[in-house]
Amino acid sequence: QVQLVESGGGSVQAGGSLRLSCAASRYGYCLGWFRQAPGKEREGVASLNIDGTTRYADSVKGRFTIFKENAKNMYLQMNSLKPEDTAMYYCAASPYGFLTTMREPDFHYWGQGTQVTVSS
């Protein structure tokens, strides 16, 4: 079991930046960020395996960066934000450690979510 606590959401104008944080109670998990916009399904944004390899959704490549500061704190740096990035963002953890896809069923633990709103 692992607890995840997100922070760092907020409102920003298009072109701006935000950094989301996720504090995990345990280490050794593949960590990821998902988001869900109103009326849409939740989608994978970025993931970070325990070996440091990363994966990004095509819509955020080149703009978002997922990284860890230490074993338990993970971040999502979001630059050049667009109105379509507006969503509730969730930190998630997978016990598998190494994933090549961002499938929700593989992530067993979820944070409470943090809202990101980008205005045009």
Protein backbone atom coordinates (compact mmCIF):
# COMPACT_ATOMS: atom_id res chain seq x y z
CA GLN A 1 0.00 0.00 0.00
CA VAL A 2 1.24 3.48 -0.83
CA GLN A 3 -0.30 6.87 -0.17
CA LEU A 4 0.10 9.68 -2.69
CA VAL A 5 -0.41 13.37 -2.04
CA GLU A 6 -0.44 15.87 -4.90
CA SER A 7 0.06 19.61 -4.77
CA GLY A 8 0.88 22.47 -7.08
CA GLY A 9 -2.23 22.85 -9.19
CA GLY A 10 -3.75 26.22 -9.92
CA SER A 11 -4.82 28.67 -12.59
CA VAL A 12 -2.50 30.05 -15.23
CA GLN A 13 -2.77 31.80 -18.57
CA ALA A 14 -1.93 30.03 -21.79
CA GLY A 15 1.80 29.85 -22.33
CA GLY A 16 2.50 29.78 -18.63
CA SER A 17 4.02 27.08 -16.43
CA LEU A 18 3.09 25.04 -13.39
CA ARG A 19 4.86 22.34 -11.43
CA LEU A 20 2.88 19.55 -9.84
CA SER A 21 4.29 17.58 -6.92
CA CYS A 22 3.53 14.10 -5.72
CA ALA A 23 4.75 12.79 -2.39
CA ALA A 24 4.68 9.01 -2.05
CA SER A 25 4.70 7.20 1.27
CA ARG A 26 6.86 4.40 -0.12
CA TYR A 27 9.39 4.03 -2.91
CA GLY A 28 9.96 1.35 -5.49
CA TYR A 29 6.95 2.04 -7.66
CA CYS A 30 6.47 3.23 -11.19
CA LEU A 31 4.87 6.65 -10.84
CA GLY A 32 2.69 8.49 -13.28
CA TRP A 33 0.42 11.43 -13.90
CA PHE A 34 -3.04 11.11 -15.36
CA ARG A 35 -5.61 13.79 -16.07
CA GLN A 36 -9.32 14.00 -16.58
CA ALA A 37 -11.11 16.91 -18.19
CA PRO A 38 -14.86 17.44 -17.73
CA GLY A 39 -16.82 15.05 -19.91
CA LYS A 40 -13.73 13.13 -20.97
CA GLU A 41 -12.08 9.89 -19.94
CA ARG A 42 -9.01 9.91 -17.77
CA GLU A 43 -5.82 9.73 -19.81
CA GLY A 44 -2.18 9.06 -19.09
CA VAL A 45 0.08 12.10 -19.28
CA ALA A 46 3.51 10.91 -18.21
CA SER A 47 5.12 8.04 -16.34
CA LEU A 48 8.45 7.38 -14.69
CA ASN A 49 9.83 3.89 -14.18
CA ILE A 50 12.11 2.96 -11.31
CA ASP A 51 15.04 2.80 -13.73
CA GLY A 52 14.47 6.43 -14.69
CA THR A 53 12.93 5.84 -18.10
CA THR A 54 9.99 8.03 -18.96
CA ARG A 55 6.96 7.97 -21.20
CA TYR A 56 4.77 10.86 -22.38
CA ALA A 57 1.47 11.29 -24.11
CA ASP A 58 1.94 12.75 -27.59
CA SER A 59 -0.08 15.82 -26.61
CA VAL A 60 2.46 16.87 -23.97
CA LYS A 61 5.78 15.79 -25.46
CA GLY A 62 8.26 18.63 -25.46
CA ARG A 63 6.20 20.64 -22.98
CA PHE A 64 5.93 18.45 -19.88
CA THR A 65 8.74 16.80 -17.93
CA ILE A 66 8.33 14.14 -15.26
CA PHE A 67 11.18 13.70 -12.80
CA LYS A 68 12.05 12.67 -9.26
CA GLU A 69 13.97 14.68 -6.72
CA ASN A 70 14.47 11.73 -4.41
CA ALA A 71 12.99 8.28 -3.89
CA LYS A 72 9.61 9.53 -2.73
CA ASN A 73 8.99 12.89 -4.40
CA MET A 74 8.01 13.12 -8.00
CA TYR A 75 7.17 16.17 -10.10
CA LEU A 76 5.53 17.17 -13.35
CA GLN A 77 6.93 20.34 -14.82
CA MET A 78 4.40 21.76 -17.26
CA ASN A 79 5.51 24.48 -19.66
CA SER A 80 3.79 26.20 -22.58
CA LEU A 81 0.44 25.32 -21.12
CA LYS A 82 -2.62 25.32 -23.35
CA PRO A 83 -6.32 25.65 -22.52
CA GLU A 84 -6.74 21.99 -23.52
CA ASP A 85 -4.43 21.03 -20.64
CA THR A 86 -7.18 22.08 -18.23
CA ALA A 87 -8.10 19.05 -16.15
CA MET A 88 -7.90 17.38 -12.78
CA TYR A 89 -4.44 15.85 -12.53
CA TYR A 90 -3.84 12.67 -10.56
CA CYS A 91 -0.64 11.11 -9.32
CA ALA A 92 -0.64 7.32 -9.53
CA ALA A 93 1.66 4.47 -8.54
CA SER A 94 2.11 1.04 -10.03
CA PRO A 95 3.64 -1.90 -8.16
CA TYR A 96 5.16 -3.23 -11.37
CA GLY A 97 8.09 -0.85 -11.30
CA PHE A 98 8.64 -0.85 -15.04
CA LEU A 99 5.90 -0.20 -17.56
CA THR A 100 5.99 0.43 -21.29
CA THR A 101 2.46 1.80 -21.43
CA MET A 102 0.27 4.09 -19.32
CA ARG A 103 -2.76 1.96 -18.67
CA GLU A 104 -4.97 2.82 -15.74
CA PRO A 105 -5.40 -0.79 -14.58
CA ASP A 106 -1.64 -1.04 -14.04
CA PHE A 107 -1.71 1.80 -11.53
CA HIS A 108 -3.18 0.56 -8.28
CA TYR A 109 -2.78 3.62 -6.08
CA TRP A 110 -4.10 7.12 -6.70
CA GLY A 111 -3.88 10.54 -5.15
CA GLN A 112 -6.83 12.81 -4.56
CA GLY A 113 -6.14 15.00 -7.57
CA THR A 114 -5.17 18.62 -8.10
CA GLN A 115 -6.91 21.00 -10.49
CA VAL A 116 -5.08 22.72 -13.32
CA THR A 117 -6.91 25.47 -15.20
CA VAL A 118 -5.39 27.19 -18.22
CA SER A 119 -7.14 30.26 -19.58
CA SER A 120 -6.77 31.62 -23.07
